[in-house]
């Protein structure tokens, strides 16, 4: 057997093995990891139920988003970073949660930290998986009949 054919056989074996990876596992990971990033960010913005002065300072002096007052931006971001990750983890209205965090990712990339495009690209990729493919069967959306994405991903013969 020639080395080229052997390499093709090995690649084929790896691809066939990867074909058995369930969408539900991919979807769960795509929901959990971005949710953790945004949740951790949210927790740095508050002290108990109060938004920290340092959060307002960051939105006034560092982030400086266009078109939205810094106080409102700080409040919206803090609420969104607490609510949307919970939706993703639970898989409840998961596509809405993914879309919201994808929007936040775009704002962060464009206006706040444009040099961090690799990190934001990774977040966006995971969120796009949830948005495009759904939360999978390990989700409240599936359990409640709100999203049947886990049943759409059948293997072709």
N, C-alpha and C. Protein backbone atom coordinates (compact mmCIF):
# COMPACT_ATOMS: atom_id res chain seq x y z
N UNK A 1 0.85 -1.18 0.00
CA UNK A 1 0.00 0.00 0.00
C UNK A 1 0.89 1.24 0.00
N UNK A 2 0.52 2.21 -0.79
CA UNK A 2 1.33 3.42 -0.87
C UNK A 2 1.03 4.32 0.33
N UNK A 3 1.99 5.16 0.70
CA UNK A 3 1.77 6.06 1.84
C UNK A 3 0.56 6.97 1.65
N UNK A 4 0.29 7.40 0.43
CA UNK A 4 -0.85 8.29 0.18
C UNK A 4 -2.17 7.60 0.50
N UNK A 5 -2.31 6.37 0.07
CA UNK A 5 -3.54 5.63 0.33
C UNK A 5 -3.69 5.37 1.82
N UNK A 6 -2.59 5.04 2.48
CA UNK A 6 -2.63 4.80 3.92
C UNK A 6 -3.07 6.07 4.66
N UNK A 7 -2.56 7.22 4.25
CA UNK A 7 -2.96 8.49 4.85
C UNK A 7 -4.44 8.76 4.61
N UNK A 8 -4.90 8.50 3.41
CA UNK A 8 -6.32 8.69 3.10
C UNK A 8 -7.19 7.77 3.95
N UNK A 9 -6.74 6.53 4.13
CA UNK A 9 -7.49 5.58 4.98
C UNK A 9 -7.57 6.09 6.42
N UNK A 10 -6.46 6.59 6.94
CA UNK A 10 -6.42 7.09 8.32
C UNK A 10 -7.36 8.30 8.47
N UNK A 11 -7.29 9.21 7.52
CA UNK A 11 -8.17 10.39 7.56
C UNK A 11 -9.62 9.95 7.48
N UNK A 12 -9.91 8.99 6.64
CA UNK A 12 -11.27 8.46 6.54
C UNK A 12 -11.74 7.85 7.85
N UNK A 13 -10.86 7.13 8.54
CA UNK A 13 -11.20 6.54 9.84
C UNK A 13 -11.52 7.62 10.88
N UNK A 14 -10.68 8.65 10.90
CA UNK A 14 -10.91 9.75 11.83
C UNK A 14 -12.24 10.44 11.52
N UNK A 15 -12.50 10.68 10.25
CA UNK A 15 -13.76 11.33 9.86
C UNK A 15 -14.96 10.47 10.23
N UNK A 16 -14.89 9.18 10.01
CA UNK A 16 -16.01 8.30 10.37
C UNK A 16 -16.23 8.28 11.88
N UNK A 17 -15.15 8.31 12.62
CA UNK A 17 -15.26 8.35 14.08
C UNK A 17 -15.92 9.66 14.52
N UNK A 18 -15.50 10.77 13.94
CA UNK A 18 -16.07 12.08 14.28
C UNK A 18 -17.55 12.16 13.89
N UNK A 19 -17.94 11.43 12.86
CA UNK A 19 -19.35 11.41 12.45
C UNK A 19 -20.28 10.89 13.56
N UNK A 20 -19.73 10.16 14.50
CA UNK A 20 -20.53 9.59 15.58
C UNK A 20 -20.68 10.52 16.78
N UNK A 21 -20.02 11.67 16.73
CA UNK A 21 -20.14 12.64 17.82
C UNK A 21 -21.54 13.25 17.77
N UNK A 22 -22.33 13.06 18.80
CA UNK A 22 -23.71 13.56 18.76
C UNK A 22 -23.79 15.09 18.78
N UNK A 23 -24.74 15.61 18.02
CA UNK A 23 -24.99 17.05 18.00
C UNK A 23 -25.25 17.56 19.42
N UNK A 24 -25.92 16.77 20.22
CA UNK A 24 -26.26 17.20 21.58
C UNK A 24 -25.03 17.53 22.41
N UNK A 25 -23.95 16.80 22.23
CA UNK A 25 -22.71 17.06 22.96
C UNK A 25 -22.09 18.36 22.46
N UNK A 26 -22.05 18.54 21.15
CA UNK A 26 -21.51 19.77 20.56
C UNK A 26 -22.33 20.97 21.00
N UNK A 27 -23.65 20.84 20.93
CA UNK A 27 -24.54 21.95 21.30
C UNK A 27 -24.39 22.31 22.78
N UNK A 28 -24.27 21.31 23.63
CA UNK A 28 -24.10 21.58 25.06
C UNK A 28 -22.81 22.35 25.32
N UNK A 29 -21.72 21.93 24.70
CA UNK A 29 -20.45 22.64 24.86
C UNK A 29 -20.55 24.06 24.29
N UNK A 30 -21.21 24.20 23.15
CA UNK A 30 -21.35 25.51 22.52
C UNK A 30 -22.20 26.45 23.37
N UNK A 31 -23.08 25.89 24.17
CA UNK A 31 -23.88 26.72 25.09
C UNK A 31 -23.11 27.05 26.36
N UNK A 32 -22.44 26.06 26.93
CA UNK A 32 -21.83 26.24 28.25
C UNK A 32 -20.62 27.18 28.26
N UNK A 33 -19.71 27.00 27.33
CA UNK A 33 -18.45 27.73 27.43
C UNK A 33 -18.59 29.24 27.22
N UNK A 34 -19.34 29.70 26.22
CA UNK A 34 -19.54 31.15 26.15
C UNK A 34 -20.35 31.68 27.34
N UNK A 35 -21.30 30.87 27.82
CA UNK A 35 -22.10 31.30 28.97
C UNK A 35 -21.21 31.55 30.18
N UNK A 36 -20.25 30.69 30.40
CA UNK A 36 -19.34 30.85 31.54
C UNK A 36 -18.53 32.13 31.41
N UNK A 37 -18.03 32.42 30.20
CA UNK A 37 -17.24 33.63 29.98
C UNK A 37 -18.07 34.87 30.34
N UNK A 38 -19.29 34.94 29.81
CA UNK A 38 -20.12 36.12 30.06
C UNK A 38 -20.59 36.18 31.51
N UNK A 39 -20.89 35.05 32.12
CA UNK A 39 -21.30 35.03 33.53
C UNK A 39 -20.17 35.56 34.41
N UNK A 40 -18.96 35.10 34.17
CA UNK A 40 -17.82 35.58 34.95
C UNK A 40 -17.63 37.08 34.79
N UNK A 41 -17.81 37.58 33.58
CA UNK A 41 -17.72 39.02 33.36
C UNK A 41 -18.82 39.76 34.13
N UNK A 42 -20.01 39.20 34.11
CA UNK A 42 -21.14 39.82 34.82
C UNK A 42 -20.86 39.94 36.31
N UNK A 43 -20.29 38.92 36.87
CA UNK A 43 -20.05 38.91 38.32
C UNK A 43 -19.03 39.97 38.74
N UNK A 44 -18.17 40.40 37.82
CA UNK A 44 -17.20 41.45 38.16
C UNK A 44 -17.85 42.83 38.17
N UNK A 45 -19.05 42.94 37.62
CA UNK A 45 -19.71 44.24 37.47
C UNK A 45 -20.59 44.61 38.66
N UNK A 46 -20.84 43.66 39.56
CA UNK A 46 -21.78 43.91 40.65
C UNK A 46 -21.18 43.58 42.01
N UNK A 47 -21.80 44.20 43.01
CA UNK A 47 -21.55 43.87 44.40
C UNK A 47 -22.91 43.57 44.98
N UNK A 48 -23.21 42.29 45.15
CA UNK A 48 -24.56 41.90 45.55
C UNK A 48 -25.52 42.18 44.41
N UNK A 49 -26.51 43.03 44.67
CA UNK A 49 -27.48 43.40 43.65
C UNK A 49 -27.23 44.81 43.10
N UNK A 50 -26.10 45.37 43.44
CA UNK A 50 -25.77 46.74 43.04
C UNK A 50 -24.65 46.75 42.01
N UNK A 51 -24.83 47.53 40.97
CA UNK A 51 -23.77 47.70 39.98
C UNK A 51 -22.67 48.55 40.60
N UNK A 52 -21.45 48.09 40.49
CA UNK A 52 -20.30 48.77 41.08
C UNK A 52 -20.02 50.10 40.39
N UNK A 53 -19.48 51.04 41.16
CA UNK A 53 -19.04 52.31 40.58
C UNK A 53 -17.99 52.09 39.50
N UNK A 54 -17.14 51.08 39.71
CA UNK A 54 -16.09 50.79 38.73
C UNK A 54 -16.68 50.35 37.39
N UNK A 55 -17.84 49.73 37.42
CA UNK A 55 -18.51 49.34 36.18
C UNK A 55 -18.93 50.58 35.41
N UNK A 56 -19.55 51.51 36.11
CA UNK A 56 -19.95 52.76 35.47
C UNK A 56 -18.74 53.51 34.92
N UNK A 57 -17.66 53.51 35.69
CA UNK A 57 -16.43 54.17 35.25
C UNK A 57 -15.92 53.56 33.94
N UNK A 58 -15.88 52.22 33.88
CA UNK A 58 -15.42 51.55 32.67
C UNK A 58 -16.26 51.94 31.45
N UNK A 59 -17.57 51.98 31.61
CA UNK A 59 -18.43 52.32 30.48
C UNK A 59 -18.32 53.80 30.10
N UNK A 60 -17.96 54.64 31.07
CA UNK A 60 -17.78 56.07 30.77
C UNK A 60 -16.42 56.36 30.15
N UNK A 61 -15.37 55.72 30.67
CA UNK A 61 -14.00 56.12 30.30
C UNK A 61 -13.28 55.14 29.37
N UNK A 62 -13.56 53.86 29.48
CA UNK A 62 -12.80 52.87 28.73
C UNK A 62 -13.59 52.36 27.52
N UNK A 63 -14.81 51.94 27.75
CA UNK A 63 -15.59 51.33 26.67
C UNK A 63 -16.15 52.37 25.72
N UNK A 64 -16.69 53.45 26.24
CA UNK A 64 -17.17 54.59 25.46
C UNK A 64 -17.91 54.17 24.18
N UNK A 65 -19.00 53.48 24.34
CA UNK A 65 -19.80 53.04 23.20
C UNK A 65 -20.51 54.22 22.54
N UNK A 66 -20.62 54.20 21.23
CA UNK A 66 -21.35 55.28 20.56
C UNK A 66 -22.86 55.06 20.68
N UNK A 67 -23.61 56.12 20.58
CA UNK A 67 -25.07 56.08 20.48
C UNK A 67 -25.84 55.69 21.73
N UNK A 68 -25.16 55.31 22.79
CA UNK A 68 -25.88 54.91 24.00
C UNK A 68 -25.16 55.50 25.21
N UNK A 69 -25.91 56.16 26.09
CA UNK A 69 -25.28 56.75 27.28
C UNK A 69 -24.58 55.67 28.12
N UNK A 70 -23.44 56.00 28.68
CA UNK A 70 -22.66 55.01 29.44
C UNK A 70 -23.42 54.37 30.60
N UNK A 71 -24.24 55.14 31.29
CA UNK A 71 -24.99 54.58 32.42
C UNK A 71 -25.96 53.51 31.94
N UNK A 72 -26.66 53.79 30.86
CA UNK A 72 -27.62 52.82 30.32
C UNK A 72 -26.87 51.61 29.77
N UNK A 73 -25.76 51.85 29.09
CA UNK A 73 -24.96 50.75 28.55
C UNK A 73 -24.47 49.83 29.66
N UNK A 74 -24.02 50.41 30.76
CA UNK A 74 -23.54 49.62 31.90
C UNK A 74 -24.66 48.77 32.48
N UNK A 75 -25.83 49.36 32.62
CA UNK A 75 -26.96 48.63 33.18
C UNK A 75 -27.43 47.52 32.25
N UNK A 76 -27.56 47.83 30.96
CA UNK A 76 -28.00 46.82 29.99
C UNK A 76 -27.00 45.67 29.90
N UNK A 77 -25.73 45.99 29.84
CA UNK A 77 -24.70 44.94 29.74
C UNK A 77 -24.70 44.06 30.98
N UNK A 78 -24.84 44.68 32.14
CA UNK A 78 -24.83 43.91 33.38
C UNK A 78 -26.02 42.96 33.46
N UNK A 79 -27.19 43.43 33.11
CA UNK A 79 -28.37 42.57 33.12
C UNK A 79 -28.23 41.47 32.08
N UNK A 80 -27.83 41.84 30.87
CA UNK A 80 -27.70 40.86 29.79
C UNK A 80 -26.66 39.79 30.12
N UNK A 81 -25.54 40.20 30.72
CA UNK A 81 -24.49 39.23 31.06
C UNK A 81 -24.90 38.30 32.19
N UNK A 82 -25.92 38.68 32.95
CA UNK A 82 -26.45 37.77 33.97
C UNK A 82 -27.56 36.89 33.41
N UNK A 83 -28.44 37.46 32.62
CA UNK A 83 -29.62 36.73 32.14
C UNK A 83 -29.30 35.78 30.98
N UNK A 84 -28.64 36.26 29.96
CA UNK A 84 -28.43 35.45 28.75
C UNK A 84 -27.61 34.18 29.00
N UNK A 85 -26.55 34.21 29.80
CA UNK A 85 -25.84 32.97 30.09
C UNK A 85 -26.71 31.93 30.81
N UNK A 86 -27.59 32.39 31.68
CA UNK A 86 -28.48 31.45 32.37
C UNK A 86 -29.39 30.77 31.36
N UNK A 87 -29.92 31.55 30.41
CA UNK A 87 -30.75 30.96 29.36
C UNK A 87 -29.97 29.92 28.57
N UNK A 88 -28.73 30.23 28.24
CA UNK A 88 -27.92 29.27 27.48
C UNK A 88 -27.65 28.00 28.28
N UNK A 89 -27.27 28.14 29.53
CA UNK A 89 -26.97 26.96 30.34
C UNK A 89 -28.20 26.07 30.48
N UNK A 90 -29.34 26.68 30.73
CA UNK A 90 -30.58 25.91 30.86
C UNK A 90 -31.08 25.40 29.50
N UNK A 91 -30.63 26.03 28.45
CA UNK A 91 -31.15 25.69 27.13
C UNK A 91 -32.58 26.16 26.99
N UNK A 92 -32.92 27.27 27.63
CA UNK A 92 -34.26 27.85 27.58
C UNK A 92 -34.20 29.12 26.74
N UNK A 93 -34.98 29.15 25.65
CA UNK A 93 -34.87 30.24 24.67
C UNK A 93 -33.40 30.40 24.27
N UNK A 94 -32.75 29.26 24.06
CA UNK A 94 -31.30 29.24 23.85
C UNK A 94 -30.88 30.01 22.62
N UNK A 95 -31.67 29.95 21.55
CA UNK A 95 -31.28 30.69 20.35
C UNK A 95 -31.37 32.19 20.59
N UNK A 96 -32.34 32.63 21.37
CA UNK A 96 -32.45 34.04 21.72
C UNK A 96 -31.24 34.45 22.57
N UNK A 97 -30.88 33.62 23.55
CA UNK A 97 -29.71 33.89 24.37
C UNK A 97 -28.44 33.95 23.55
N UNK A 98 -28.29 33.01 22.61
CA UNK A 98 -27.11 33.00 21.75
C UNK A 98 -27.07 34.25 20.87
N UNK A 99 -28.22 34.64 20.34
CA UNK A 99 -28.27 35.84 19.50
C UNK A 99 -27.90 37.09 20.30
N UNK A 100 -28.40 37.19 21.52
CA UNK A 100 -28.07 38.33 22.38
C UNK A 100 -26.58 38.40 22.69
N UNK A 101 -25.99 37.26 23.05
CA UNK A 101 -24.56 37.24 23.36
C UNK A 101 -23.71 37.43 22.11
N UNK A 102 -24.21 36.98 20.97
CA UNK A 102 -23.51 37.23 19.71
C UNK A 102 -23.49 38.73 19.41
N UNK A 103 -24.61 39.39 19.67
CA UNK A 103 -24.66 40.85 19.50
C UNK A 103 -23.70 41.55 20.44
N UNK A 104 -23.67 41.11 21.69
CA UNK A 104 -22.73 41.71 22.64
C UNK A 104 -21.29 41.46 22.20
N UNK A 105 -21.02 40.27 21.70
CA UNK A 105 -19.68 39.95 21.21
C UNK A 105 -19.28 40.88 20.08
N UNK A 106 -20.21 41.14 19.17
CA UNK A 106 -19.93 42.05 18.05
C UNK A 106 -19.62 43.46 18.56
N UNK A 107 -20.40 43.93 19.52
CA UNK A 107 -20.17 45.27 20.07
C UNK A 107 -18.80 45.33 20.75
N UNK A 108 -18.49 44.31 21.53
CA UNK A 108 -17.19 44.27 22.21
C UNK A 108 -16.06 44.27 21.18
N UNK A 109 -16.22 43.47 20.14
CA UNK A 109 -15.18 43.37 19.11
C UNK A 109 -15.00 44.69 18.36
N UNK A 110 -16.10 45.29 17.95
CA UNK A 110 -16.02 46.48 17.10
C UNK A 110 -15.62 47.73 17.88
N UNK A 111 -16.21 47.92 19.06
CA UNK A 111 -16.05 49.19 19.76
C UNK A 111 -15.13 49.16 20.97
N UNK A 112 -14.91 48.00 21.57
CA UNK A 112 -14.19 47.97 22.84
C UNK A 112 -12.79 47.37 22.71
N UNK A 113 -12.72 46.15 22.25
CA UNK A 113 -11.43 45.45 22.15
C UNK A 113 -11.23 44.85 20.76
N UNK A 114 -11.02 45.69 19.74
CA UNK A 114 -10.88 45.16 18.38
C UNK A 114 -9.66 44.26 18.19
N UNK A 115 -8.67 44.40 19.05
CA UNK A 115 -7.47 43.58 18.92
C UNK A 115 -7.71 42.14 19.40
N UNK A 116 -8.81 41.87 20.06
CA UNK A 116 -9.09 40.53 20.62
C UNK A 116 -9.97 39.71 19.68
N UNK A 117 -9.79 39.87 18.39
CA UNK A 117 -10.67 39.23 17.41
C UNK A 117 -10.60 37.71 17.46
N UNK A 118 -9.48 37.13 17.85
CA UNK A 118 -9.39 35.66 17.92
C UNK A 118 -10.30 35.14 19.02
N UNK A 119 -10.23 35.74 20.18
CA UNK A 119 -11.09 35.34 21.30
C UNK A 119 -12.55 35.54 20.94
N UNK A 120 -12.87 36.70 20.41
CA UNK A 120 -14.26 36.98 20.05
C UNK A 120 -14.75 36.07 18.93
N UNK A 121 -13.84 35.71 18.04
CA UNK A 121 -14.20 34.77 16.98
C UNK A 121 -14.57 33.40 17.53
N UNK A 122 -13.85 32.98 18.55
CA UNK A 122 -14.18 31.69 19.19
C UNK A 122 -15.54 31.75 19.87
N UNK A 123 -15.80 32.84 20.60
CA UNK A 123 -17.12 32.99 21.22
C UNK A 123 -18.21 32.97 20.16
N UNK A 124 -17.99 33.76 19.10
CA UNK A 124 -18.99 33.88 18.04
C UNK A 124 -19.24 32.54 17.37
N UNK A 125 -18.19 31.76 17.16
CA UNK A 125 -18.37 30.45 16.53
C UNK A 125 -19.26 29.55 17.36
N UNK A 126 -19.00 29.48 18.65
CA UNK A 126 -19.83 28.65 19.53
C UNK A 126 -21.28 29.16 19.54
N UNK A 127 -21.45 30.46 19.63
CA UNK A 127 -22.80 31.03 19.66
C UNK A 127 -23.52 30.82 18.33
N UNK A 128 -22.79 30.87 17.23
CA UNK A 128 -23.39 30.61 15.92
C UNK A 128 -23.85 29.16 15.79
N UNK A 129 -23.12 28.23 16.41
CA UNK A 129 -23.55 26.83 16.41
C UNK A 129 -24.92 26.71 17.08
N UNK A 130 -25.08 27.35 18.22
CA UNK A 130 -26.37 27.30 18.93
C UNK A 130 -27.45 27.99 18.11
N UNK A 131 -27.14 29.14 17.58
CA UNK A 131 -28.11 29.90 16.80
C UNK A 131 -28.55 29.11 15.56
N UNK A 132 -27.61 28.54 14.84
CA UNK A 132 -27.92 27.86 13.59
C UNK A 132 -28.44 26.43 13.78
N UNK A 133 -27.90 25.71 14.76
CA UNK A 133 -28.23 24.30 14.92
C UNK A 133 -29.16 24.01 16.09
N UNK A 134 -29.32 24.98 16.99
CA UNK A 134 -30.20 24.78 18.13
C UNK A 134 -29.47 24.23 19.34
N UNK A 135 -30.17 24.17 20.47
CA UNK A 135 -29.54 23.79 21.74
C UNK A 135 -29.37 22.29 21.95
N UNK A 136 -29.94 21.49 21.07
CA UNK A 136 -29.85 20.04 21.25
C UNK A 136 -30.90 19.52 22.21
N UNK A 137 -30.86 18.21 22.41
CA UNK A 137 -31.89 17.55 23.24
C UNK A 137 -31.65 17.70 24.73
N UNK A 138 -30.42 18.11 25.12
CA UNK A 138 -30.13 18.33 26.54
C UNK A 138 -30.42 19.80 26.83
N UNK A 139 -31.70 20.15 26.74
CA UNK A 139 -32.10 21.55 26.93
C UNK A 139 -33.56 21.61 27.34
N UNK A 140 -33.91 22.67 28.04
CA UNK A 140 -35.32 22.89 28.37
C UNK A 140 -36.13 23.19 27.12
N UNK A 141 -35.51 23.84 26.15
CA UNK A 141 -36.22 24.09 24.89
C UNK A 141 -36.72 22.79 24.29
N UNK A 142 -35.88 21.77 24.28
CA UNK A 142 -36.29 20.48 23.73
C UNK A 142 -37.34 19.82 24.62
N UNK A 143 -37.10 19.83 25.91
CA UNK A 143 -38.02 19.20 26.87
C UNK A 143 -39.41 19.83 26.79
N UNK A 144 -39.46 21.14 26.62
CA UNK A 144 -40.74 21.86 26.57
C UNK A 144 -41.33 21.92 25.16
N UNK A 145 -40.64 21.33 24.20
CA UNK A 145 -41.13 21.32 22.83
C UNK A 145 -40.97 22.65 22.11
N UNK A 146 -40.07 23.50 22.59
CA UNK A 146 -39.85 24.80 21.96
C UNK A 146 -38.84 24.74 20.83
N UNK A 147 -38.00 23.72 20.82
CA UNK A 147 -36.97 23.58 19.80
C UNK A 147 -36.68 22.10 19.62
N UNK A 148 -36.80 21.63 18.42
CA UNK A 148 -36.58 20.21 18.14
C UNK A 148 -35.28 19.97 17.38
N UNK A 149 -34.29 20.79 17.65
CA UNK A 149 -33.03 20.72 16.91
C UNK A 149 -32.34 19.37 17.08
N UNK A 150 -32.48 18.74 18.21
CA UNK A 150 -31.81 17.46 18.45
C UNK A 150 -32.34 16.34 17.58
N UNK A 151 -33.57 16.48 17.10
CA UNK A 151 -34.15 15.41 16.28
C UNK A 151 -33.91 15.64 14.79
N UNK A 152 -33.45 16.82 14.39
CA UNK A 152 -33.20 17.13 13.00
C UNK A 152 -31.89 16.56 12.49
N UNK A 153 -30.96 16.28 13.37
CA UNK A 153 -29.61 15.93 12.97
C UNK A 153 -29.47 14.41 12.85
N UNK A 154 -30.15 13.87 11.90
CA UNK A 154 -30.06 12.44 11.62
C UNK A 154 -28.90 12.18 10.67
N UNK A 155 -28.28 11.08 10.83
CA UNK A 155 -27.19 10.68 9.93
C UNK A 155 -27.76 10.14 8.63
N UNK A 156 -27.14 10.52 7.55
CA UNK A 156 -27.51 9.95 6.26
C UNK A 156 -26.85 8.59 6.11
N UNK A 157 -27.50 7.64 5.42
CA UNK A 157 -26.90 6.30 5.28
C UNK A 157 -25.61 6.34 4.48
